[in-house]
Amino acid sequence: VVRLLQPDDDQQMLGRLVQHAYFALPGYPHDPDYDD
């Protein structure tokens, strides 16, 4: 199911999911502001 974020969805977990997807890229150039 693809849907809009709901108020009870775990936003912190979703944020970590997005971060981890980027961080797993070969040679990902970490930038603290963008990473946040």
Full PDB file with SEQRES, HELIX, SHEET, SSBOND, CRYST1, ORIGX, SCALE, CONECT and MASTER records, all heavy atoms in Angstrom:
SEQRES   1 A   36  VAL VAL ARG LEU LEU GLN PRO ASP ASP ASP GLN GLN MET          
SEQRES   2 A   36  LEU GLY ARG LEU VAL GLN HIS ALA TYR PHE ALA LEU PRO          
SEQRES   3 A   36  GLY TYR PRO HIS ASP PRO ASP TYR ASP ASP                      
HELIX    1 AA1 GLN A   11  PHE A   23  1                                  13    
HELIX    2 AA2 PRO A   32  ASP A   35  1                                   4    
CRYST1    1.000    1.000    1.000  90.00  90.00  90.00 P 1           1          
ORIGX1      1.000000  0.000000  0.000000        0.00000                         
ORIGX2      0.000000  1.000000  0.000000        0.00000                         
ORIGX3      0.000000  0.000000  1.000000        0.00000                         
SCALE1      1.000000  0.000000  0.000000        0.00000                         
SCALE2      0.000000  1.000000  0.000000        0.00000                         
SCALE3      0.000000  0.000000  1.000000        0.00000                         
ATOM      1  N   VAL A   1       0.861  -1.182   0.000  1.00  0.00           N  
ATOM      2  CA  VAL A   1       0.000   0.000   0.000  1.00  0.00           C  
ATOM      3  C   VAL A   1       0.900   1.235   0.000  1.00  0.00           C  
ATOM      4  O   VAL A   1       1.823   1.341   0.818  1.00  0.00           O  
ATOM      5  CB  VAL A   1      -0.911   0.028   1.255  1.00  0.00           C  
ATOM      6  CG1 VAL A   1      -1.727   1.311   1.312  1.00  0.00           C  
ATOM      7  CG2 VAL A   1      -1.807  -1.198   1.301  1.00  0.00           C  
ATOM      8  N   VAL A   2       0.636   2.158  -0.921  1.00  0.00           N  
ATOM      9  CA  VAL A   2       1.324   3.445  -0.953  1.00  0.00           C  
ATOM     10  C   VAL A   2       0.295   4.500  -0.566  1.00  0.00           C  
ATOM     11  O   VAL A   2      -0.793   4.535  -1.145  1.00  0.00           O  
ATOM     12  CB  VAL A   2       1.925   3.733  -2.343  1.00  0.00           C  
ATOM     13  CG1 VAL A   2       2.594   5.098  -2.366  1.00  0.00           C  
ATOM     14  CG2 VAL A   2       2.923   2.643  -2.725  1.00  0.00           C  
ATOM     15  N   ARG A   3       0.642   5.331   0.407  1.00  0.00           N  
ATOM     16  CA  ARG A   3      -0.329   6.289   0.938  1.00  0.00           C  
ATOM     17  C   ARG A   3       0.392   7.482   1.541  1.00  0.00           C  
ATOM     18  O   ARG A   3       1.607   7.456   1.750  1.00  0.00           O  
ATOM     19  CB  ARG A   3      -1.208   5.617   1.987  1.00  0.00           C  
ATOM     20  CG  ARG A   3      -0.393   5.095   3.168  1.00  0.00           C  
ATOM     21  CD  ARG A   3      -1.274   4.595   4.291  1.00  0.00           C  
ATOM     22  NE  ARG A   3      -0.553   3.999   5.380  1.00  0.00           N  
ATOM     23  CZ  ARG A   3       0.146   4.644   6.309  1.00  0.00           C  
ATOM     24  NH1 ARG A   3       0.227   5.967   6.290  1.00  0.00           N  
ATOM     25  NH2 ARG A   3       0.767   3.992   7.283  1.00  0.00           N  
ATOM     26  N   LEU A   4      -0.368   8.501   1.857  1.00  0.00           N  
ATOM     27  CA  LEU A   4       0.178   9.657   2.565  1.00  0.00           C  
ATOM     28  C   LEU A   4       0.465   9.295   4.016  1.00  0.00           C  
ATOM     29  O   LEU A   4      -0.208   8.435   4.607  1.00  0.00           O  
ATOM     30  CB  LEU A   4      -0.803  10.827   2.508  1.00  0.00           C  
ATOM     31  CG  LEU A   4      -1.007  11.458   1.130  1.00  0.00           C  
ATOM     32  CD1 LEU A   4      -2.132  12.492   1.178  1.00  0.00           C  
ATOM     33  CD2 LEU A   4       0.283  12.094   0.626  1.00  0.00           C  
ATOM     34  N   LEU A   5       1.451   9.962   4.576  1.00  0.00           N  
ATOM     35  CA  LEU A   5       1.810   9.794   5.977  1.00  0.00           C  
ATOM     36  C   LEU A   5       0.590  10.069   6.843  1.00  0.00           C  
ATOM     37  O   LEU A   5      -0.148  11.031   6.621  1.00  0.00           O  
ATOM     38  CB  LEU A   5       2.933  10.785   6.322  1.00  0.00           C  
ATOM     39  CG  LEU A   5       3.457  10.761   7.742  1.00  0.00           C  
ATOM     40  CD1 LEU A   5       4.409   9.587   7.921  1.00  0.00           C  
ATOM     41  CD2 LEU A   5       4.178  12.061   8.050  1.00  0.00           C  
ATOM     42  N   GLN A   6       0.395   9.238   7.852  1.00  0.00           N  
ATOM     43  CA  GLN A   6      -0.680   9.423   8.823  1.00  0.00           C  
ATOM     44  C   GLN A   6      -0.087   9.895  10.145  1.00  0.00           C  
ATOM     45  O   GLN A   6       1.089   9.630  10.437  1.00  0.00           O  
ATOM     46  CB  GLN A   6      -1.430   8.102   9.031  1.00  0.00           C  
ATOM     47  CG  GLN A   6      -2.089   7.575   7.767  1.00  0.00           C  
ATOM     48  CD  GLN A   6      -3.150   8.519   7.232  1.00  0.00           C  
ATOM     49  OE1 GLN A   6      -4.027   8.959   7.972  1.00  0.00           O  
ATOM     50  NE2 GLN A   6      -3.059   8.840   5.953  1.00  0.00           N  
ATOM     51  N   PRO A   7      -0.882  10.597  10.974  1.00  0.00           N  
ATOM     52  CA  PRO A   7      -0.353  11.141  12.237  1.00  0.00           C  
ATOM     53  C   PRO A   7       0.286  10.097  13.151  1.00  0.00           C  
ATOM     54  O   PRO A   7       1.218  10.409  13.888  1.00  0.00           O  
ATOM     55  CB  PRO A   7      -1.579  11.770  12.903  1.00  0.00           C  
ATOM     56  CG  PRO A   7      -2.502  12.085  11.768  1.00  0.00           C  
ATOM     57  CD  PRO A   7      -2.275  10.994  10.740  1.00  0.00           C  
ATOM     58  N   ASP A   8      -0.180   8.861  13.106  1.00  0.00           N  
ATOM     59  CA  ASP A   8       0.378   7.852  14.021  1.00  0.00           C  
ATOM     60  C   ASP A   8       1.551   7.072  13.420  1.00  0.00           C  
ATOM     61  O   ASP A   8       2.095   6.182  14.074  1.00  0.00           O  
ATOM     62  CB  ASP A   8      -0.717   6.891  14.499  1.00  0.00           C  
ATOM     63  CG  ASP A   8      -1.393   6.149  13.358  1.00  0.00           C  
ATOM     64  OD1 ASP A   8      -1.317   6.612  12.201  1.00  0.00           O  
ATOM     65  OD2 ASP A   8      -2.007   5.095  13.628  1.00  0.00           O  
ATOM     66  N   ASP A   9       1.975   7.407  12.200  1.00  0.00           N  
ATOM     67  CA  ASP A   9       3.149   6.761  11.615  1.00  0.00           C  
ATOM     68  C   ASP A   9       4.407   7.207  12.357  1.00  0.00           C  
ATOM     69  O   ASP A   9       4.503   8.355  12.808  1.00  0.00           O  
ATOM     70  CB  ASP A   9       3.294   7.115  10.130  1.00  0.00           C  
ATOM     71  CG  ASP A   9       2.230   6.445   9.259  1.00  0.00           C  
ATOM     72  OD1 ASP A   9       1.739   5.362   9.632  1.00  0.00           O  
ATOM     73  OD2 ASP A   9       1.896   7.015   8.207  1.00  0.00           O  
ATOM     74  N   ASP A  10       5.355   6.324  12.479  1.00  0.00           N  
ATOM     75  CA  ASP A  10       6.597   6.594  13.200  1.00  0.00           C  
ATOM     76  C   ASP A  10       7.532   7.434  12.323  1.00  0.00           C  
ATOM     77  O   ASP A  10       8.304   6.902  11.525  1.00  0.00           O  
ATOM     78  CB  ASP A  10       7.256   5.265  13.592  1.00  0.00           C  
ATOM     79  CG  ASP A  10       8.470   5.440  14.485  1.00  0.00           C  
ATOM     80  OD1 ASP A  10       9.034   6.568  14.541  1.00  0.00           O  
ATOM     81  OD2 ASP A  10       8.870   4.445  15.109  1.00  0.00           O  
ATOM     82  N   GLN A  11       7.471   8.751  12.483  1.00  0.00           N  
ATOM     83  CA  GLN A  11       8.257   9.658  11.655  1.00  0.00           C  
ATOM     84  C   GLN A  11       9.749   9.514  11.898  1.00  0.00           C  
ATOM     85  O   GLN A  11      10.550   9.638  10.956  1.00  0.00           O  
ATOM     86  CB  GLN A  11       7.812  11.102  11.877  1.00  0.00           C  
ATOM     87  CG  GLN A  11       6.406  11.359  11.378  1.00  0.00           C  
ATOM     88  CD  GLN A  11       5.961  12.791  11.572  1.00  0.00           C  
ATOM     89  OE1 GLN A  11       6.788  13.693  11.704  1.00  0.00           O  
ATOM     90  NE2 GLN A  11       4.661  13.012  11.593  1.00  0.00           N  
ATOM     91  N   GLN A  12      10.151   9.257  13.116  1.00  0.00           N  
ATOM     92  CA  GLN A  12      11.579   9.091  13.395  1.00  0.00           C  
ATOM     93  C   GLN A  12      12.125   7.853  12.686  1.00  0.00           C  
ATOM     94  O   GLN A  12      13.205   7.888  12.093  1.00  0.00           O  
ATOM     95  CB  GLN A  12      11.838   9.027  14.895  1.00  0.00           C  
ATOM     96  CG  GLN A  12      11.637  10.362  15.570  1.00  0.00           C  
ATOM     97  CD  GLN A  12      11.990  10.325  17.043  1.00  0.00           C  
ATOM     98  OE1 GLN A  12      12.127   9.261  17.658  1.00  0.00           O  
ATOM     99  NE2 GLN A  12      12.146  11.505  17.639  1.00  0.00           N  
ATOM    100  N   MET A  13      11.385   6.757  12.728  1.00  0.00           N  
ATOM    101  CA  MET A  13      11.817   5.542  12.050  1.00  0.00           C  
ATOM    102  C   MET A  13      11.888   5.774  10.544  1.00  0.00           C  
ATOM    103  O   MET A  13      12.834   5.355   9.877  1.00  0.00           O  
ATOM    104  CB  MET A  13      10.853   4.387  12.362  1.00  0.00           C  
ATOM    105  CG  MET A  13      11.263   3.046  11.742  1.00  0.00           C  
ATOM    106  SD  MET A  13      10.826   2.786   9.990  1.00  0.00           S  
ATOM    107  CE  MET A  13       9.053   2.782  10.053  1.00  0.00           C  
ATOM    108  N   LEU A  14      10.903   6.478   9.984  1.00  0.00           N  
ATOM    109  CA  LEU A  14      10.898   6.764   8.550  1.00  0.00           C  
ATOM    110  C   LEU A  14      12.080   7.654   8.170  1.00  0.00           C  
ATOM    111  O   LEU A  14      12.703   7.457   7.128  1.00  0.00           O  
ATOM    112  CB  LEU A  14       9.575   7.411   8.142  1.00  0.00           C  
ATOM    113  CG  LEU A  14       8.373   6.460   8.155  1.00  0.00           C  
ATOM    114  CD1 LEU A  14       7.067   7.249   8.110  1.00  0.00           C  
ATOM    115  CD2 LEU A  14       8.461   5.470   7.005  1.00  0.00           C  
ATOM    116  N   GLY A  15      12.405   8.613   9.019  1.00  0.00           N  
ATOM    117  CA  GLY A  15      13.565   9.452   8.766  1.00  0.00           C  
ATOM    118  C   GLY A  15      14.856   8.648   8.758  1.00  0.00           C  
ATOM    119  O   GLY A  15      15.721   8.837   7.896  1.00  0.00           O  
ATOM    120  N   ARG A  16      14.979   7.715   9.696  1.00  0.00           N  
ATOM    121  CA  ARG A  16      16.165   6.847   9.718  1.00  0.00           C  
ATOM    122  C   ARG A  16      16.199   5.959   8.476  1.00  0.00           C  
ATOM    123  O   ARG A  16      17.275   5.712   7.915  1.00  0.00           O  
ATOM    124  CB  ARG A  16      16.189   6.002  10.991  1.00  0.00           C  
ATOM    125  CG  ARG A  16      16.551   6.800  12.239  1.00  0.00           C  
ATOM    126  CD  ARG A  16      16.787   5.912  13.449  1.00  0.00           C  
ATOM    127  NE  ARG A  16      15.674   5.017  13.750  1.00  0.00           N  
ATOM    128  CZ  ARG A  16      14.621   5.332  14.505  1.00  0.00           C  
ATOM    129  NH1 ARG A  16      14.536   6.537  15.047  1.00  0.00           N  
ATOM    130  NH2 ARG A  16      13.668   4.452  14.729  1.00  0.00           N  
ATOM    131  N   LEU A  17      15.038   5.490   8.027  1.00  0.00           N  
ATOM    132  CA  LEU A  17      14.969   4.664   6.821  1.00  0.00           C  
ATOM    133  C   LEU A  17      15.515   5.430   5.623  1.00  0.00           C  
ATOM    134  O   LEU A  17      16.326   4.905   4.853  1.00  0.00           O  
ATOM    135  CB  LEU A  17      13.511   4.239   6.580  1.00  0.00           C  
ATOM    136  CG  LEU A  17      13.218   3.309   5.432  1.00  0.00           C  
ATOM    137  CD1 LEU A  17      11.972   2.492   5.739  1.00  0.00           C  
ATOM    138  CD2 LEU A  17      13.029   4.031   4.133  1.00  0.00           C  
ATOM    139  N   VAL A  18      15.105   6.681   5.459  1.00  0.00           N  
ATOM    140  CA  VAL A  18      15.595   7.496   4.346  1.00  0.00           C  
ATOM    141  C   VAL A  18      17.098   7.722   4.490  1.00  0.00           C  
ATOM    142  O   VAL A  18      17.858   7.566   3.523  1.00  0.00           O  
ATOM    143  CB  VAL A  18      14.822   8.832   4.246  1.00  0.00           C  
ATOM    144  CG1 VAL A  18      15.444   9.738   3.193  1.00  0.00           C  
ATOM    145  CG2 VAL A  18      13.347   8.572   3.926  1.00  0.00           C  
ATOM    146  N   GLN A  19      17.531   8.070   5.689  1.00  0.00           N  
ATOM    147  CA  GLN A  19      18.968   8.260   5.915  1.00  0.00           C  
ATOM    148  C   GLN A  19      19.760   7.006   5.544  1.00  0.00           C  
ATOM    149  O   GLN A  19      20.757   7.089   4.836  1.00  0.00           O  
ATOM    150  CB  GLN A  19      19.253   8.586   7.377  1.00  0.00           C  
ATOM    151  CG  GLN A  19      19.108  10.016   7.753  1.00  0.00           C  
ATOM    152  CD  GLN A  19      19.517  10.249   9.192  1.00  0.00           C  
ATOM    153  OE1 GLN A  19      19.301   9.415  10.071  1.00  0.00           O  
ATOM    154  NE2 GLN A  19      20.101  11.402   9.452  1.00  0.00           N  
ATOM    155  N   HIS A  20      19.328   5.866   6.023  1.00  0.00           N  
ATOM    156  CA  HIS A  20      20.073   4.630   5.778  1.00  0.00           C  
ATOM    157  C   HIS A  20      20.126   4.297   4.291  1.00  0.00           C  
ATOM    158  O   HIS A  20      21.142   3.765   3.820  1.00  0.00           O  
ATOM    159  CB  HIS A  20      19.479   3.477   6.585  1.00  0.00           C  
ATOM    160  CG  HIS A  20      19.712   3.611   8.050  1.00  0.00           C  
ATOM    161  ND1 HIS A  20      18.820   3.178   8.989  1.00  0.00           N  
ATOM    162  CD2 HIS A  20      20.745   4.153   8.749  1.00  0.00           C  
ATOM    163  CE1 HIS A  20      19.280   3.440  10.199  1.00  0.00           C  
ATOM    164  NE2 HIS A  20      20.443   4.043  10.078  1.00  0.00           N  
ATOM    165  N   ALA A  21      19.062   4.620   3.549  1.00  0.00           N  
ATOM    166  CA  ALA A  21      19.083   4.373   2.103  1.00  0.00           C  
ATOM    167  C   ALA A  21      20.181   5.202   1.438  1.00  0.00           C  
ATOM    168  O   ALA A  21      20.902   4.708   0.564  1.00  0.00           O  
ATOM    169  CB  ALA A  21      17.719   4.687   1.496  1.00  0.00           C  
ATOM    170  N   TYR A  22      20.319   6.439   1.857  1.00  0.00           N  
ATOM    171  CA  TYR A  22      21.360   7.302   1.295  1.00  0.00           C  
ATOM    172  C   TYR A  22      22.748   6.883   1.790  1.00  0.00           C  
ATOM    173  O   TYR A  22      23.702   6.809   1.018  1.00  0.00           O  
ATOM    174  CB  TYR A  22      21.102   8.772   1.642  1.00  0.00           C  
ATOM    175  CG  TYR A  22      20.102   9.439   0.732  1.00  0.00           C  
ATOM    176  CD1 TYR A  22      18.748   9.140   0.814  1.00  0.00           C  
ATOM    177  CD2 TYR A  22      20.509  10.377  -0.211  1.00  0.00           C  
ATOM    178  CE1 TYR A  22      17.830   9.748  -0.018  1.00  0.00           C  
ATOM    179  CE2 TYR A  22      19.593  10.996  -1.037  1.00  0.00           C  
ATOM    180  CZ  TYR A  22      18.251  10.674  -0.946  1.00  0.00           C  
ATOM    181  OH  TYR A  22      17.345  11.278  -1.775  1.00  0.00           O  
ATOM    182  N   PHE A  23      22.851   6.614   3.083  1.00  0.00           N  
ATOM    183  CA  PHE A  23      24.150   6.271   3.666  1.00  0.00           C  
ATOM    184  C   PHE A  23      24.719   4.983   3.075  1.00  0.00           C  
ATOM    185  O   PHE A  23      25.935   4.780   3.081  1.00  0.00           O  
ATOM    186  CB  PHE A  23      24.044   6.133   5.186  1.00  0.00           C  
ATOM    187  CG  PHE A  23      23.693   7.401   5.922  1.00  0.00           C  
ATOM    188  CD1 PHE A  23      23.447   7.356   7.281  1.00  0.00           C  
ATOM    189  CD2 PHE A  23      23.598   8.634   5.280  1.00  0.00           C  
ATOM    190  CE1 PHE A  23      23.123   8.509   7.988  1.00  0.00           C  
ATOM    191  CE2 PHE A  23      23.273   9.796   5.976  1.00  0.00           C  
ATOM    192  CZ  PHE A  23      23.039   9.728   7.339  1.00  0.00           C  
ATOM    193  N   ALA A  24      23.860   4.103   2.574  1.00  0.00           N  
ATOM    194  CA  ALA A  24      24.302   2.835   1.994  1.00  0.00           C  
ATOM    195  C   ALA A  24      24.865   2.996   0.584  1.00  0.00           C  
ATOM    196  O   ALA A  24      25.440   2.055   0.036  1.00  0.00           O  
ATOM    197  CB  ALA A  24      23.143   1.843   1.974  1.00  0.00           C  
ATOM    198  N   LEU A  25      24.710   4.176  -0.005  1.00  0.00           N  
ATOM    199  CA  LEU A  25      25.224   4.395  -1.358  1.00  0.00           C  
ATOM    200  C   LEU A  25      26.745   4.384  -1.356  1.00  0.00           C  
ATOM    201  O   LEU A  25      27.369   4.964  -0.465  1.00  0.00           O  
ATOM    202  CB  LEU A  25      24.729   5.742  -1.906  1.00  0.00           C  
ATOM    203  CG  LEU A  25      23.228   5.866  -2.107  1.00  0.00           C  
ATOM    204  CD1 LEU A  25      22.861   7.320  -2.402  1.00  0.00           C  
ATOM    205  CD2 LEU A  25      22.772   4.961  -3.228  1.00  0.00           C  
ATOM    206  N   PRO A  26      27.344   3.760  -2.357  1.00  0.00           N  
ATOM    207  CA  PRO A  26      28.813   3.764  -2.430  1.00  0.00           C  
ATOM    208  C   PRO A  26      29.342   5.199  -2.510  1.00  0.00           C  
ATOM    209  O   PRO A  26      28.891   5.992  -3.330  1.00  0.00           O  
ATOM    210  CB  PRO A  26      29.117   3.017  -3.734  1.00  0.00           C  
ATOM    211  CG  PRO A  26      27.863   2.302  -4.098  1.00  0.00           C  
ATOM    212  CD  PRO A  26      26.730   3.057  -3.469  1.00  0.00           C  
ATOM    213  N   GLY A  27      30.251   5.518  -1.619  1.00  0.00           N  
ATOM    214  CA  GLY A  27      30.881   6.837  -1.642  1.00  0.00           C  
ATOM    215  C   GLY A  27      29.960   7.980  -1.248  1.00  0.00           C  
ATOM    216  O   GLY A  27      30.245   9.135  -1.582  1.00  0.00           O  
ATOM    217  N   TYR A  28      28.868   7.685  -0.541  1.00  0.00           N  
ATOM    218  CA  TYR A  28      27.959   8.762  -0.147  1.00  0.00           C  
ATOM    219  C   TYR A  28      28.735   9.834   0.619  1.00  0.00           C  
ATOM    220  O   TYR A  28      29.388   9.540   1.616  1.00  0.00           O  
ATOM    221  CB  TYR A  28      26.805   8.233   0.717  1.00  0.00           C  
ATOM    222  CG  TYR A  28      25.922   9.351   1.230  1.00  0.00           C  
ATOM    223  CD1 TYR A  28      24.998   9.957   0.395  1.00  0.00           C  
ATOM    224  CD2 TYR A  28      26.039   9.834   2.526  1.00  0.00           C  
ATOM    225  CE1 TYR A  28      24.209  11.008   0.847  1.00  0.00           C  
ATOM    226  CE2 TYR A  28      25.261  10.873   2.989  1.00  0.00           C  
ATOM    227  CZ  TYR A  28      24.346  11.461   2.141  1.00  0.00           C  
ATOM    228  OH  TYR A  28      23.573  12.496   2.589  1.00  0.00           O  
ATOM    229  N   PRO A  29      28.675  11.084   0.148  1.00  0.00           N  
ATOM    230  CA  PRO A  29      29.441  12.166   0.793  1.00  0.00           C  
ATOM    231  C   PRO A  29      28.655  12.799   1.929  1.00  0.00           C  
ATOM    232  O   PRO A  29      27.827  13.666   1.717  1.00  0.00           O  
ATOM    233  CB  PRO A  29      29.647  13.160  -0.353  1.00  0.00           C  
ATOM    234  CG  PRO A  29      28.434  12.971  -1.207  1.00  0.00           C  
ATOM    235  CD  PRO A  29      28.037  11.523  -1.071  1.00  0.00           C  
ATOM    236  N   HIS A  30      28.902  12.357   3.124  1.00  0.00           N  
ATOM    237  CA  HIS A  30      28.156  12.871   4.280  1.00  0.00           C  
ATOM    238  C   HIS A  30      28.323  14.375   4.425  1.00  0.00           C  
ATOM    239  O   HIS A  30      29.413  14.916   4.300  1.00  0.00           O  
ATOM    240  CB  HIS A  30      28.614  12.172   5.559  1.00  0.00           C  
ATOM    241  CG  HIS A  30      28.120  10.779   5.658  1.00  0.00           C  
ATOM    242  ND1 HIS A  30      26.863  10.462   6.123  1.00  0.00           N  
ATOM    243  CD2 HIS A  30      28.699   9.604   5.330  1.00  0.00           C  
ATOM    244  CE1 HIS A  30      26.697   9.159   6.079  1.00  0.00           C  
ATOM    245  NE2 HIS A  30      27.804   8.613   5.599  1.00  0.00           N  
ATOM    246  N   ASP A  31      27.204  15.031   4.656  1.00  0.00           N  
ATOM    247  CA  ASP A  31      27.149  16.451   4.977  1.00  0.00           C  
ATOM    248  C   ASP A  31      26.183  16.546   6.157  1.00  0.00           C  
ATOM    249  O   ASP A  31      25.010  16.197   6.002  1.00  0.00           O  
ATOM    250  CB  ASP A  31      26.641  17.244   3.775  1.00  0.00           C  
ATOM    251  CG  ASP A  31      26.376  18.698   4.118  1.00  0.00           C  
ATOM    252  OD1 ASP A  31      25.281  18.992   4.667  1.00  0.00           O  
ATOM    253  OD2 ASP A  31      27.248  19.532   3.855  1.00  0.00           O  
ATOM    254  N   PRO A  32      26.650  16.971   7.314  1.00  0.00           N  
ATOM    255  CA  PRO A  32      25.782  16.937   8.503  1.00  0.00           C  
ATOM    256  C   PRO A  32      24.430  17.617   8.309  1.00  0.00           C  
ATOM    257  O   PRO A  32      23.414  17.086   8.741  1.00  0.00           O  
ATOM    258  CB  PRO A  32      26.617  17.635   9.576  1.00  0.00           C  
ATOM    259  CG  PRO A  32      28.029  17.449   9.138  1.00  0.00           C  
ATOM    260  CD  PRO A  32      27.994  17.467   7.635  1.00  0.00           C  
ATOM    261  N   ASP A  33      24.393  18.767   7.655  1.00  0.00           N  
ATOM    262  CA  ASP A  33      23.115  19.464   7.472  1.00  0.00           C  
ATOM    263  C   ASP A  33      22.182  18.668   6.564  1.00  0.00           C  
ATOM    264  O   ASP A  33      20.996  18.510   6.856  1.00  0.00           O  
ATOM    265  CB  ASP A  33      23.336  20.866   6.892  1.00  0.00           C  
ATOM    266  CG  ASP A  33      24.007  21.801   7.882  1.00  0.00           C  
ATOM    267  OD1 ASP A  33      23.884  21.575   9.108  1.00  0.00           O  
ATOM    268  OD2 ASP A  33      24.663  22.754   7.425  1.00  0.00           O  
ATOM    269  N   TYR A  34      22.716  18.170   5.440  1.00  0.00           N  
ATOM    270  CA  TYR A  34      21.870  17.399   4.530  1.00  0.00           C  
ATOM    271  C   TYR A  34      21.472  16.066   5.162  1.00  0.00           C  
ATOM    272  O   TYR A  34      20.320  15.637   5.042  1.00  0.00           O  
ATOM    273  CB  TYR A  34      22.567  17.168   3.182  1.00  0.00           C  
ATOM    274  CG  TYR A  34      21.626  16.583   2.159  1.00  0.00           C  
ATOM    275  CD1 TYR A  34      20.613  17.355   1.596  1.00  0.00           C  
ATOM    276  CD2 TYR A  34      21.715  15.249   1.784  1.00  0.00           C  
ATOM    277  CE1 TYR A  34      19.725  16.828   0.674  1.00  0.00           C  
ATOM    278  CE2 TYR A  34      20.827  14.711   0.864  1.00  0.00           C  
ATOM    279  CZ  TYR A  34      19.840  15.494   0.310  1.00  0.00           C  
ATOM    280  OH  TYR A  34      18.961  14.961  -0.588  1.00  0.00           O  
ATOM    281  N   ASP A  35      22.407  15.432   5.858  1.00  0.00           N  
ATOM    282  CA  ASP A  35      22.084  14.171   6.529  1.00  0.00           C  
ATOM    283  C   ASP A  35      20.923  14.375   7.507  1.00  0.00           C  
ATOM    284  O   ASP A  35      20.012  13.544   7.582  1.00  0.00           O  
ATOM    285  CB  ASP A  35      23.303  13.622   7.269  1.00  0.00           C  
ATOM    286  CG  ASP A  35      24.403  13.151   6.329  1.00  0.00           C  
ATOM    287  OD1 ASP A  35      24.185  13.115   5.097  1.00  0.00           O  
ATOM    288  OD2 ASP A  35      25.494  12.817   6.834  1.00  0.00           O  
ATOM    289  N   ASP A  36      20.939  15.490   8.237  1.00  0.00           N  
ATOM    290  CA  ASP A  36      19.836  15.797   9.151  1.00  0.00           C  
ATOM    291  C   ASP A  36      18.546  16.046   8.383  1.00  0.00           C  
ATOM    292  O   ASP A  36      17.471  15.621   8.810  1.00  0.00           O  
ATOM    293  CB  ASP A  36      20.162  17.021  10.007  1.00  0.00           C  
ATOM    294  CG  ASP A  36      21.222  16.741  11.057  1.00  0.00           C  
ATOM    295  OD1 ASP A  36      21.534  15.562  11.329  1.00  0.00           O  
ATOM    296  OD2 ASP A  36      21.752  17.734  11.613  1.00  0.00           O  
TER     297      ASP A  36                                                      
MASTER        0    0    0    2    0    0    0    6  296    1    0    3          
END                                                                             
